[in-house]
Amino acid sequence: MKPITLIKNARIYPACIRGQTYDCLVISDSEILDAGDASLESEWESHADHIFDLRGHTILPGLTDAHIHLEKYAHSLSQIDCETTSLDICLEHVADAARHALPGEWIRGHGWDQNAWGRYGTLEELTAAAPENPVYLTAKSLHAAWVNLAALALCDVDDHDNVSTSDRVGHDSDGKLNGLLFEDAMKLVSEKIPRPGAEQTRKSISRAQERLLGYGITSVHDYDGSRCFSALQELHRAGELHIRVTKNIQKDQFQSAIDLGMQSGFGGDWLRIGHLKLFTDGALGPQTAAMLAPYESQPENNGILLLSQDEIIEIGRSASTAGFPLTIHAIGDRACRTVIDALHSLQEEIPAPAVPHRIEHLQIVHPADLENLSGANITISMQPLHAPSDHLTADRYWGERTRWAYAWRSVQSTDSLLIFGSDAPVETPDPWLGLYAALTRKLASEDPETPTWVPEECLDLQTALEAYSVNPPIAVGCGDHFGRLEKGYQADLIVLDQDPYEIAHAAIPSLNVLGAMTGGIWRHLDD
């Protein structure tokens, strides 16, 4: 007989619904065998192999980060932190790394934001900080990079190159390279950087999953590439994959995937194939998100639309035939309209897959397009921390349109399935900071008395928790055995030091995860 674990004397929320709690759980192997009130404890105590008295602590279903770049996040933990309050501090970090670097060694960093600094860094400044070592620093948005002369010297681009990405290679007023690369032009340098070996990637992801479990994240929807997928398979084979991973397929890998006969849903409970990922535009930070009207004070700039409606429909036909739903990056209101209209047309032509198509980010949307989401059977994947992180930049470049930016409540009112993630390493994957942002549209570091930015779009606690717990498994076709603490569901749960329903919103960022279980095994549990 399989070992039985009894968890008792706890406040257990089986589906994150306010007021609906159990007192104990009975777990056999990886599955919840029973759940109920305190009377169930005496029934199972004599049969249990392991008994855990939680002393009244709160238990929730394990949380999901529904949009993470797992490999990038893992490697970012060992890179320079460029999310600094000033450009000068970032340059100091680079100079310090250069002093300790080996000759020719690449210096990597992430997180700079020219909007926070008041201007972009220059080629000359970065070269002065690290004159000998190539430097590649990604913006917070992951849609731009800042490089030095040593890095440019290793790639095939100069002041006069006429390449397909030339409009995305930064130049100064004299026409000379300024060290900035946008969107696909980033590959001109990034592809010259030696790739981490398989063992290094595996170890980095292994360390990252421990960080995620400490946050209470037991499952992720990953958006990195094949190297990440290989590392995850190695971890799984070794029995070292302790979080659930839904692996989305990138467009340049799609043909190989369908040639192999792979389909969405292939895999098991620990590692499975998800959607086909497409990009329709850039991001707010570098002002490359595709807009219906120009950016404020930039009358010639409507951003970059990377795919037309017809192109999305054409790709969607192939994907649907091959058994893949689409997951589409859309940030600007023009991109969002393009995707919503394309998915409407596609679903009229081809029945939607069993797992719905989804839109990633939907950061600003025209109200007319919100109406088109009603009844559309489209999952909306959003990242709460983007709102307070971006709101000054959004006000600057989108003006009055920001009434419809990060419009979580409006999206939820369309009956679309709303799921939350972090976009890490763009933001921290700490879900309690994300939850606080969903409730208040503020950063935890802000004064709670600061006026709320677009308060109409704040969510209630239950809706926000569901977007992190119950809803993400539904979005990938696993809602019948993940995301709840009910009989027959997988035993993925977290233990908190306080009940989020019993504390002020201001205390939510400081919630402490005392324990995390996946597949019926404690991955960590405080004494």
Protein backbone atom coordinates (compact mmCIF):
# COMPACT_ATOMS: atom_id res chain seq x y z
CA MET A 1 0.00 0.00 0.00
CA LYS A 2 1.25 3.47 -0.84
CA PRO A 3 2.34 5.64 2.10
CA ILE A 4 -0.31 7.98 3.45
CA THR A 5 0.38 11.53 4.63
CA LEU A 6 -2.03 13.38 6.89
CA ILE A 7 -1.88 17.17 7.11
CA LYS A 8 -4.01 18.36 10.01
CA ASN A 9 -4.85 21.42 12.08
CA ALA A 10 -4.60 23.79 9.12
CA ARG A 11 -6.75 26.39 7.41
CA ILE A 12 -6.90 24.93 3.92
CA TYR A 13 -8.36 26.85 0.99
CA PRO A 14 -9.12 24.19 -1.63
CA ALA A 15 -9.78 26.72 -4.40
CA CYS A 16 -8.72 30.11 -2.94
CA ILE A 17 -12.38 31.04 -2.34
CA ARG A 18 -12.98 33.27 0.64
CA GLY A 19 -14.70 31.41 3.47
CA GLN A 20 -14.40 27.93 1.95
CA THR A 21 -11.85 25.98 4.00
CA TYR A 22 -10.95 22.51 5.18
CA ASP A 23 -9.06 21.46 8.30
CA CYS A 24 -7.09 18.50 6.97
CA LEU A 25 -5.82 16.74 3.86
CA VAL A 26 -5.05 13.08 3.25
CA ILE A 27 -2.42 12.43 0.60
CA SER A 28 -1.51 9.10 -0.94
CA ASP A 29 1.57 9.15 -3.14
CA SER A 30 1.17 12.34 -5.20
CA GLU A 31 -2.62 12.61 -5.05
CA ILE A 32 -5.12 14.02 -2.59
CA LEU A 33 -7.07 11.07 -1.24
CA ASP A 34 -9.45 12.98 0.98
CA ALA A 35 -10.11 16.46 2.40
CA GLY A 36 -12.46 17.67 5.05
CA ASP A 37 -13.09 19.05 8.52
CA ALA A 38 -11.41 18.09 11.79
CA SER A 39 -13.50 14.93 12.14
CA LEU A 40 -11.51 13.44 9.26
CA GLU A 41 -8.30 13.64 11.31
CA SER A 42 -9.29 10.92 13.77
CA GLU A 43 -10.47 8.71 10.92
CA TRP A 44 -7.05 8.77 9.21
CA GLU A 45 -4.53 9.22 12.04
CA SER A 46 -4.18 5.49 12.70
CA HIS A 47 -3.58 4.80 8.99
CA ALA A 48 -1.16 7.62 8.24
CA ASP A 49 2.54 6.96 7.76
CA HIS A 50 3.38 10.64 8.14
CA ILE A 51 1.44 13.25 10.12
CA PHE A 52 2.08 16.97 9.90
CA ASP A 53 0.44 19.28 12.41
CA LEU A 54 0.35 22.72 10.79
CA ARG A 55 -0.62 24.49 14.03
CA GLY A 56 -3.33 26.56 12.38
CA HIS A 57 -1.26 27.84 9.47
CA THR A 58 -2.87 28.59 6.13
CA ILE A 59 -2.56 26.30 3.10
CA LEU A 60 -3.28 27.35 -0.48
CA PRO A 61 -2.97 25.48 -3.77
CA GLY A 62 0.52 25.93 -5.21
CA LEU A 63 0.80 29.06 -7.33
CA THR A 64 1.62 29.21 -11.04
CA ASP A 65 3.75 31.80 -12.81
CA ALA A 66 1.91 31.76 -16.13
CA HIS A 67 4.60 33.68 -18.04
CA ILE A 68 8.26 33.24 -17.20
CA HIS A 69 11.49 33.00 -19.18
CA LEU A 70 12.91 30.25 -17.04
CA GLU A 71 16.41 30.00 -18.47
CA LYS A 72 16.84 33.76 -18.73
CA TYR A 73 15.62 34.13 -15.16
CA ALA A 74 17.97 31.39 -13.98
CA HIS A 75 20.99 33.00 -15.62
CA SER A 76 19.95 36.49 -14.51
CA LEU A 77 20.51 35.44 -10.91
CA SER A 78 24.26 35.47 -11.62
CA GLN A 79 24.37 38.54 -13.91
CA ILE A 80 24.90 42.24 -13.18
CA ASP A 81 21.80 43.88 -11.75
CA CYS A 82 21.20 46.87 -14.04
CA GLU A 83 17.88 47.88 -12.49
CA THR A 84 19.55 50.79 -10.73
CA THR A 85 18.31 54.21 -9.69
CA SER A 86 20.85 55.94 -11.94
CA LEU A 87 22.85 55.24 -15.06
CA ASP A 88 26.08 56.01 -13.18
CA ILE A 89 25.43 53.22 -10.67
CA CYS A 90 24.86 50.76 -13.51
CA LEU A 91 28.16 51.82 -15.09
CA GLU A 92 29.90 51.33 -11.74
CA HIS A 93 28.56 47.77 -11.63
CA VAL A 94 29.89 47.14 -15.14
CA ALA A 95 33.30 48.61 -14.31
CA ASP A 96 33.53 46.44 -11.20
CA ALA A 97 32.67 43.34 -13.22
CA ALA A 98 35.29 44.29 -15.81
CA ARG A 99 37.97 44.56 -13.11
CA HIS A 100 37.29 40.96 -12.11
CA ALA A 101 36.70 39.51 -15.59
CA LEU A 102 39.11 37.36 -17.52
CA PRO A 103 40.51 38.79 -20.80
CA GLY A 104 37.84 38.56 -23.48
CA GLU A 105 35.20 37.29 -21.06
CA TRP A 106 31.67 38.52 -21.78
CA ILE A 107 30.02 40.76 -19.20
CA ARG A 108 26.27 40.19 -19.01
CA GLY A 109 23.62 42.20 -17.21
CA HIS A 110 19.89 42.84 -17.18
CA GLY A 111 17.29 45.33 -16.04
CA TRP A 112 18.22 48.83 -17.26
CA ASP A 113 15.41 51.25 -17.98
CA GLN A 114 16.21 54.49 -19.77
CA ASN A 115 12.88 55.91 -18.64
CA ALA A 116 13.97 55.64 -15.00
CA TRP A 117 17.37 57.17 -15.84
CA GLY A 118 16.02 60.00 -17.97
CA ARG A 119 18.05 58.97 -21.02
CA TYR A 120 19.74 56.05 -22.73
CA GLY A 121 23.31 55.15 -21.93
CA THR A 122 25.83 55.76 -24.72
CA LEU A 123 28.30 53.57 -26.54
CA GLU A 124 31.16 55.70 -25.23
CA GLU A 125 30.07 55.44 -21.59
CA LEU A 126 29.76 51.67 -21.69
CA THR A 127 33.06 51.30 -23.54
CA ALA A 128 34.82 53.47 -20.95
CA ALA A 129 33.44 51.28 -18.15
CA ALA A 130 34.67 48.09 -19.85
CA PRO A 131 37.15 48.89 -22.62
CA GLU A 132 38.52 45.36 -23.11
CA ASN A 133 35.61 43.00 -22.43
CA PRO A 134 32.52 42.70 -24.62
CA VAL A 135 29.41 43.85 -22.73
CA TYR A 136 25.79 42.92 -23.41
CA LEU A 137 23.14 44.42 -21.12
CA THR A 138 19.46 43.69 -21.73
CA ALA A 139 16.77 46.23 -20.94
CA LYS A 140 14.15 45.51 -18.31
CA SER A 141 11.67 44.89 -21.15
CA LEU A 142 13.97 42.33 -22.84
CA HIS A 143 13.22 44.20 -26.08
CA ALA A 144 16.45 46.21 -26.24
CA ALA A 145 20.15 45.77 -25.50
CA TRP A 146 23.04 48.12 -24.73
CA VAL A 147 26.47 47.02 -25.94
CA ASN A 148 30.02 48.40 -26.01
CA LEU A 149 32.62 48.68 -28.78
CA ALA A 150 34.22 45.36 -27.91
CA ALA A 151 30.86 43.64 -28.41
CA LEU A 152 30.15 45.45 -31.70
CA ALA A 153 33.59 44.52 -32.98
CA LEU A 154 32.58 40.85 -32.79
CA CYS A 155 29.47 41.20 -34.95
CA ASP A 156 28.93 42.08 -38.59
CA VAL A 157 27.49 45.56 -38.33
CA ASP A 158 28.99 49.01 -38.69
CA ASP A 159 27.79 52.59 -39.15
CA HIS A 160 26.90 52.06 -42.79
CA ASP A 161 25.54 48.52 -42.87
CA ASN A 162 22.28 48.13 -44.74
CA VAL A 163 20.89 45.03 -43.05
CA SER A 164 17.29 43.97 -42.63
CA THR A 165 17.38 45.09 -39.01
CA SER A 166 19.03 48.44 -39.70
CA ASP A 167 16.01 50.43 -38.51
CA ARG A 168 16.37 48.67 -35.17
CA VAL A 169 20.09 49.33 -34.80
CA GLY A 170 20.56 52.55 -32.83
CA HIS A 171 22.45 55.48 -34.37
CA ASP A 172 23.27 58.91 -33.01
CA SER A 173 22.52 62.20 -34.77
CA ASP A 174 25.69 61.81 -36.84
CA GLY A 175 24.65 58.43 -38.11
CA LYS A 176 27.12 56.49 -36.00
CA LEU A 177 26.27 53.42 -33.94
CA ASN A 178 25.25 54.35 -30.41
CA GLY A 179 25.39 50.91 -28.78
CA LEU A 180 21.62 50.34 -28.69
CA LEU A 181 19.91 47.41 -30.36
CA PHE A 182 16.15 46.92 -30.52
CA GLU A 183 13.98 43.85 -31.08
CA ASP A 184 15.49 41.33 -33.57
CA ALA A 185 18.60 43.50 -34.03
CA MET A 186 19.65 42.27 -30.59
CA LYS A 187 20.58 38.98 -32.23
CA LEU A 188 23.43 40.68 -34.09
CA VAL A 189 25.34 40.59 -30.82
CA SER A 190 23.52 38.03 -28.66
CA GLU A 191 24.24 35.26 -31.14
CA LYS A 192 27.97 35.95 -30.75
CA ILE A 193 27.87 35.31 -27.01
CA PRO A 194 29.08 31.81 -26.11
CA ARG A 195 26.09 29.79 -25.08
CA PRO A 196 26.06 28.33 -21.58
CA GLY A 197 26.82 24.63 -21.66
CA ALA A 198 24.12 22.07 -20.97
CA GLU A 199 25.45 21.36 -17.49
CA GLN A 200 25.67 25.05 -16.59
CA THR A 201 22.10 25.64 -17.80
CA ARG A 202 20.81 22.63 -15.90
CA LYS A 203 22.45 23.77 -12.67
CA SER A 204 21.19 27.34 -13.10
CA ILE A 205 17.61 26.17 -13.63
CA SER A 206 17.88 23.79 -10.70
CA ARG A 207 18.91 26.68 -8.43
CA ALA A 208 16.18 28.89 -9.88
CA GLN A 209 13.44 26.36 -9.15
CA GLU A 210 14.44 26.38 -5.48
CA ARG A 211 14.03 30.17 -5.47
CA LEU A 212 10.61 29.81 -7.11
CA LEU A 213 9.46 27.18 -4.61
CA GLY A 214 10.51 29.54 -1.84
CA TYR A 215 8.12 32.10 -3.31
CA GLY A 216 5.30 29.53 -3.35
CA ILE A 217 5.45 28.87 -7.10
CA THR A 218 4.96 25.19 -7.86
CA SER A 219 4.25 25.48 -11.58
CA VAL A 220 5.35 27.68 -14.50
CA HIS A 221 4.48 28.34 -18.13
CA ASP A 222 7.89 28.80 -19.75
CA TYR A 223 8.72 30.88 -22.84
CA ASP A 224 12.42 30.14 -23.39
CA GLY A 225 13.89 28.01 -26.15
CA SER A 226 15.25 24.55 -26.89
CA ARG A 227 18.30 24.78 -24.62
CA CYS A 228 15.98 25.34 -21.68
CA PHE A 229 13.77 22.45 -22.80
CA SER A 230 16.80 20.12 -22.97
CA ALA A 231 17.88 21.13 -19.47
CA LEU A 232 14.39 20.53 -18.12
CA GLN A 233 14.33 17.07 -19.67
CA GLU A 234 17.67 16.28 -18.03
CA LEU A 235 16.36 17.43 -14.66
CA HIS A 236 13.21 15.37 -15.13
CA ARG A 237 15.14 12.23 -16.06
CA ALA A 238 17.32 12.67 -12.97
CA GLY A 239 14.28 13.11 -10.72
CA GLU A 240 15.39 16.66 -9.94
CA LEU A 241 12.54 18.62 -11.54
CA HIS A 242 10.45 19.76 -8.59
CA ILE A 243 8.16 22.29 -10.27
CA ARG A 244 5.62 21.61 -13.02
CA VAL A 245 6.57 23.12 -16.39
CA THR A 246 4.40 23.78 -19.41
CA LYS A 247 6.86 24.43 -22.25
CA ASN A 248 5.70 26.71 -25.05
CA ILE A 249 7.19 26.32 -28.52
CA GLN A 250 8.88 29.24 -30.25
CA LYS A 251 8.04 30.00 -33.86
CA ASP A 252 11.47 29.10 -35.21
CA GLN A 253 11.14 25.65 -33.61
CA PHE A 254 7.59 25.02 -34.76
CA GLN A 255 8.33 23.23 -38.03
CA SER A 256 10.73 20.85 -36.30
CA ALA A 257 8.09 20.15 -33.65
CA ILE A 258 5.34 19.30 -36.14
CA ASP A 259 7.78 17.27 -38.28
CA LEU A 260 8.22 15.10 -35.19
CA GLY A 261 4.45 14.85 -34.79
CA MET A 262 4.53 16.74 -31.50
CA GLN A 263 1.29 18.29 -30.26
CA SER A 264 0.16 20.53 -27.44
CA GLY A 265 -0.37 18.48 -24.30
CA PHE A 266 2.37 15.97 -25.09
CA GLY A 267 4.38 14.97 -22.02
CA GLY A 268 3.47 14.27 -18.45
CA ASP A 269 2.49 15.98 -15.25
CA TRP A 270 5.98 17.45 -14.72
CA LEU A 271 6.93 18.58 -18.22
CA ARG A 272 4.50 19.03 -21.07
CA ILE A 273 4.16 20.91 -24.35
CA GLY A 274 1.96 24.02 -24.40
CA HIS A 275 1.21 26.62 -27.08
CA LEU A 276 2.98 28.04 -30.13
CA LYS A 277 4.41 31.48 -29.23
CA LEU A 278 4.15 34.41 -31.67
CA PHE A 279 5.13 38.09 -31.37
CA THR A 280 3.03 40.87 -32.87
CA ASP A 281 4.92 43.87 -31.51
CA GLY A 282 7.65 45.16 -29.21
CA ALA A 283 7.31 46.76 -25.78
CA LEU A 284 6.44 50.00 -24.03
CA GLY A 285 9.94 50.66 -22.64
CA PRO A 286 11.67 51.17 -26.01
CA GLN A 287 8.41 52.49 -27.56
CA THR A 288 8.17 49.60 -30.03
CA ALA A 289 4.72 48.34 -28.94
CA ALA A 290 2.35 48.78 -31.91
CA MET A 291 -0.14 51.60 -31.29
CA LEU A 292 -3.29 52.79 -33.06
CA ALA A 293 -2.16 56.39 -32.57
CA PRO A 294 1.40 57.71 -32.18
CA TYR A 295 3.24 57.84 -28.90
CA GLU A 296 2.88 61.14 -27.04
CA SER A 297 5.44 63.69 -28.35
CA GLN A 298 6.52 61.20 -31.04
CA PRO A 299 4.19 61.95 -33.96
CA GLU A 300 6.08 59.66 -36.33
CA ASN A 301 6.21 56.66 -34.01
CA ASN A 302 3.39 54.11 -33.86
CA GLY A 303 5.69 51.31 -32.76
CA ILE A 304 6.40 48.13 -34.73
CA LEU A 305 3.77 45.64 -35.89
CA LEU A 306 5.60 42.37 -36.48
CA LEU A 307 2.67 40.28 -37.77
CA SER A 308 -0.45 41.29 -39.67
CA GLN A 309 -3.90 39.86 -39.05
CA ASP A 310 -3.63 37.74 -42.20
CA GLU A 311 -0.23 36.40 -41.16
CA ILE A 312 -1.56 35.38 -37.73
CA ILE A 313 -4.49 33.61 -39.37
CA GLU A 314 -2.20 31.79 -41.80
CA ILE A 315 0.11 30.61 -39.00
CA GLY A 316 -2.93 29.76 -36.88
CA ARG A 317 -4.31 27.47 -39.59
CA SER A 318 -1.09 25.47 -39.65
CA ALA A 319 -0.83 25.43 -35.88
CA SER A 320 -4.44 24.35 -35.32
CA THR A 321 -4.11 21.59 -37.90
CA ALA A 322 -0.96 20.38 -36.13
CA GLY A 323 -2.66 20.44 -32.73
CA PHE A 324 -1.21 23.67 -31.33
CA PRO A 325 -3.15 26.62 -29.92
CA LEU A 326 -1.49 30.02 -30.23
CA THR A 327 -0.09 32.19 -27.46
CA ILE A 328 0.54 35.67 -28.86
CA HIS A 329 2.55 38.56 -27.43
CA ALA A 330 0.56 41.78 -27.86
CA ILE A 331 1.27 44.94 -25.85
CA GLY A 332 0.16 48.00 -27.82
CA ASP A 333 -3.51 48.64 -28.61
CA ARG A 334 -2.94 48.13 -32.33
CA ALA A 335 -1.26 44.78 -31.67
CA CYS A 336 -4.07 43.76 -29.31
CA ARG A 337 -6.72 44.65 -31.89
CA THR A 338 -4.83 42.77 -34.59
CA VAL A 339 -4.61 39.63 -32.44
CA ILE A 340 -8.20 39.74 -31.16
CA ASP A 341 -9.57 40.19 -34.70
CA ALA A 342 -7.26 37.48 -36.06
CA LEU A 343 -8.31 34.96 -33.40
CA HIS A 344 -11.99 35.75 -34.01
CA SER A 345 -11.55 35.10 -37.73
CA LEU A 346 -9.44 31.99 -37.14
CA GLN A 347 -12.00 30.44 -34.79
CA GLU A 348 -14.81 31.11 -37.25
CA GLU A 349 -12.83 29.19 -39.86
CA ILE A 350 -11.30 26.45 -37.71
CA PRO A 351 -12.84 25.22 -34.46
CA ALA A 352 -10.75 26.33 -31.50
CA PRO A 353 -8.40 23.70 -30.06
CA ALA A 354 -9.42 21.96 -26.86
CA VAL A 355 -7.01 24.30 -25.10
CA PRO A 356 -7.92 27.91 -25.98
CA HIS A 357 -5.66 30.38 -27.74
CA ARG A 358 -4.22 33.01 -25.44
CA ILE A 359 -2.91 36.57 -25.56
CA GLU A 360 0.17 37.50 -23.58
CA HIS A 361 0.34 40.92 -21.87
CA LEU A 362 -2.57 42.88 -23.44
CA GLN A 363 -1.01 45.92 -21.78
CA ILE A 364 -3.18 48.57 -23.42
CA VAL A 365 -6.41 47.86 -25.24
CA HIS A 366 -9.05 49.98 -26.94
CA PRO A 367 -12.41 49.66 -25.11
CA ALA A 368 -14.09 48.55 -28.34
CA ASP A 369 -11.72 45.59 -28.45
CA LEU A 370 -12.53 44.68 -24.86
CA GLU A 371 -16.11 44.19 -26.00
CA ASN A 372 -14.86 41.78 -28.66
CA LEU A 373 -13.28 39.59 -25.97
CA SER A 374 -16.68 38.70 -24.52
CA GLY A 375 -17.51 35.13 -25.42
CA ALA A 376 -14.36 34.81 -27.54
CA ASN A 377 -12.90 31.84 -25.60
CA ILE A 378 -9.46 33.48 -25.43
CA THR A 379 -7.25 33.22 -22.34
CA ILE A 380 -5.70 36.51 -21.26
CA SER A 381 -2.29 36.19 -19.61
CA MET A 382 -1.18 39.35 -17.78
CA GLN A 383 1.56 40.37 -15.36
CA PRO A 384 0.39 42.57 -12.46
CA LEU A 385 3.80 44.05 -11.61
CA HIS A 386 4.04 45.61 -15.06
CA ALA A 387 1.43 48.20 -14.08
CA PRO A 388 3.15 49.91 -11.12
CA SER A 389 6.57 49.40 -12.72
CA ASP A 390 5.48 51.00 -15.98
CA HIS A 391 2.87 53.54 -14.97
CA LEU A 392 5.09 56.67 -15.17
CA THR A 393 6.39 55.55 -18.56
CA ALA A 394 2.86 54.68 -19.69
CA ASP A 395 1.55 58.11 -18.65
CA ARG A 396 4.42 59.76 -20.50
CA TYR A 397 4.02 57.90 -23.79
CA TRP A 398 0.36 56.85 -23.81
CA GLY A 399 -1.23 59.85 -22.09
CA GLU A 400 -4.98 59.59 -21.47
CA ARG A 401 -5.05 56.19 -23.15
CA THR A 402 -3.67 54.69 -19.93
CA ARG A 403 -7.23 54.47 -18.62
CA TRP A 404 -7.24 51.20 -20.57
CA ALA A 405 -3.72 50.08 -19.65
CA TYR A 406 -3.28 46.90 -17.60
CA ALA A 407 -7.07 46.69 -17.44
CA TRP A 408 -7.40 43.55 -15.32
CA ARG A 409 -10.89 44.17 -13.98
CA SER A 410 -12.22 45.11 -17.41
CA VAL A 411 -10.70 41.95 -18.88
CA GLN A 412 -12.13 39.84 -16.08
CA SER A 413 -15.58 41.34 -16.68
CA THR A 414 -15.54 39.97 -20.25
CA ASP A 415 -15.59 36.43 -18.78
CA SER A 416 -12.19 35.75 -20.34
CA LEU A 417 -10.03 33.35 -18.36
CA LEU A 418 -7.52 35.64 -16.60
CA ILE A 419 -4.15 34.23 -15.58
CA PHE A 420 -1.17 35.95 -13.97
CA GLY A 421 2.60 35.65 -14.18
CA SER A 422 5.71 37.78 -13.88
CA ASP A 423 7.56 37.80 -17.23
CA ALA A 424 10.69 37.19 -15.12
CA PRO A 425 13.39 38.31 -15.41
CA VAL A 426 11.53 41.42 -16.61
CA GLU A 427 9.96 41.54 -13.14
CA THR A 428 10.62 39.53 -10.01
CA PRO A 429 8.69 36.24 -9.95
CA ASP A 430 7.69 36.89 -6.33
CA PRO A 431 3.90 36.33 -6.59
CA TRP A 432 3.14 38.19 -3.36
CA LEU A 433 4.49 41.40 -4.87
CA GLY A 434 2.42 40.63 -7.98
CA LEU A 435 -0.65 39.95 -5.87
CA TYR A 436 -0.19 43.26 -4.04
CA ALA A 437 0.12 45.03 -7.41
CA ALA A 438 -3.11 43.41 -8.62
CA LEU A 439 -4.95 44.65 -5.53
CA THR A 440 -3.47 48.16 -5.35
CA ARG A 441 -1.69 48.91 -8.68
CA LYS A 442 1.30 49.91 -6.53
CA LEU A 443 4.76 48.63 -5.77
CA ALA A 444 5.37 47.36 -2.24
CA SER A 445 8.09 50.00 -1.92
CA GLU A 446 5.60 52.84 -2.54
CA ASP A 447 3.84 54.78 0.17
CA PRO A 448 0.45 53.03 0.59
CA GLU A 449 -1.15 56.49 0.73
CA THR A 450 0.03 57.32 -2.80
CA PRO A 451 -3.02 57.89 -5.05
CA THR A 452 -3.98 54.73 -6.89
CA TRP A 453 -3.27 54.75 -10.62
CA VAL A 454 -6.49 53.91 -12.51
CA PRO A 455 -8.23 52.49 -9.41
CA GLU A 456 -11.11 51.19 -11.53
CA GLU A 457 -8.87 48.30 -12.59
CA CYS A 458 -7.87 47.06 -9.11
CA LEU A 459 -8.90 43.48 -8.42
CA ASP A 460 -10.33 41.84 -5.31
CA LEU A 461 -8.17 39.29 -3.50
CA GLN A 462 -10.11 36.20 -4.53
CA THR A 463 -10.02 37.05 -8.24
CA ALA A 464 -6.29 37.80 -8.09
CA LEU A 465 -5.50 34.58 -6.20
CA GLU A 466 -7.52 32.55 -8.70
CA ALA A 467 -5.46 34.07 -11.53
CA TYR A 468 -2.35 32.65 -9.84
CA SER A 469 -3.77 29.28 -8.76
CA VAL A 470 -6.98 27.81 -10.13
CA ASN A 471 -7.01 29.43 -13.58
CA PRO A 472 -3.53 28.71 -15.04
CA PRO A 473 -3.97 24.91 -15.08
CA ILE A 474 -7.29 25.38 -16.88
CA ALA A 475 -5.51 27.51 -19.48
CA VAL A 476 -3.21 24.60 -20.41
CA GLY A 477 -5.79 21.82 -20.21
CA CYS A 478 -4.89 20.48 -16.74
CA GLY A 479 -7.66 22.01 -14.69
CA ASP A 480 -9.17 18.63 -13.84
CA HIS A 481 -6.21 17.58 -11.66
CA PHE A 482 -4.17 20.69 -10.87
CA GLY A 483 -4.85 24.02 -9.19
CA ARG A 484 -7.17 22.84 -6.42
CA LEU A 485 -6.79 20.91 -3.17
CA GLU A 486 -9.65 18.48 -3.74
CA LYS A 487 -9.96 14.72 -3.86
CA GLY A 488 -8.29 13.36 -6.99
CA TYR A 489 -6.10 16.44 -7.55
CA GLN A 490 -2.32 16.47 -7.38
CA ALA A 491 -0.90 17.43 -3.99
CA ASP A 492 0.77 20.71 -4.92
CA LEU A 493 0.37 23.17 -2.04
CA ILE A 494 2.01 25.93 -0.06
CA VAL A 495 1.96 26.82 3.64
CA LEU A 496 1.79 30.48 4.69
CA ASP A 497 2.51 32.10 8.00
CA GLN A 498 -0.64 34.23 7.71
CA ASP A 499 -4.02 34.00 6.01
CA PRO A 500 -4.10 36.53 3.14
CA TYR A 501 -7.83 37.01 3.72
CA GLU A 502 -7.21 38.03 7.34
CA ILE A 503 -4.51 40.68 6.85
CA ALA A 504 -4.39 44.16 5.35
CA HIS A 505 -3.35 44.45 1.72
CA ALA A 506 -0.19 46.27 2.85
CA ALA A 507 0.97 43.10 4.65
CA ILE A 508 0.65 40.79 1.65
CA PRO A 509 4.17 41.47 0.23
CA SER A 510 5.64 40.23 3.52
CA LEU A 511 3.78 36.91 3.56
CA ASN A 512 6.23 34.12 4.36
CA VAL A 513 6.06 30.74 2.61
CA LEU A 514 6.78 28.19 5.35
CA GLY A 515 6.50 25.17 3.11
CA ALA A 516 5.99 24.02 -0.46
CA MET A 517 4.87 20.59 -1.61
CA THR A 518 4.73 19.24 -5.16
CA GLY A 519 3.61 15.76 -6.05
CA GLY A 520 3.00 14.96 -2.39
CA ILE A 521 6.64 15.65 -1.42
CA TRP A 522 7.75 18.55 0.75
CA ARG A 523 10.32 20.49 -1.22
CA HIS A 524 10.93 22.65 1.82
CA LEU A 525 9.20 22.94 5.18
CA ASP A 526 10.22 25.19 8.04
CA ASP A 527 10.35 23.61 11.48
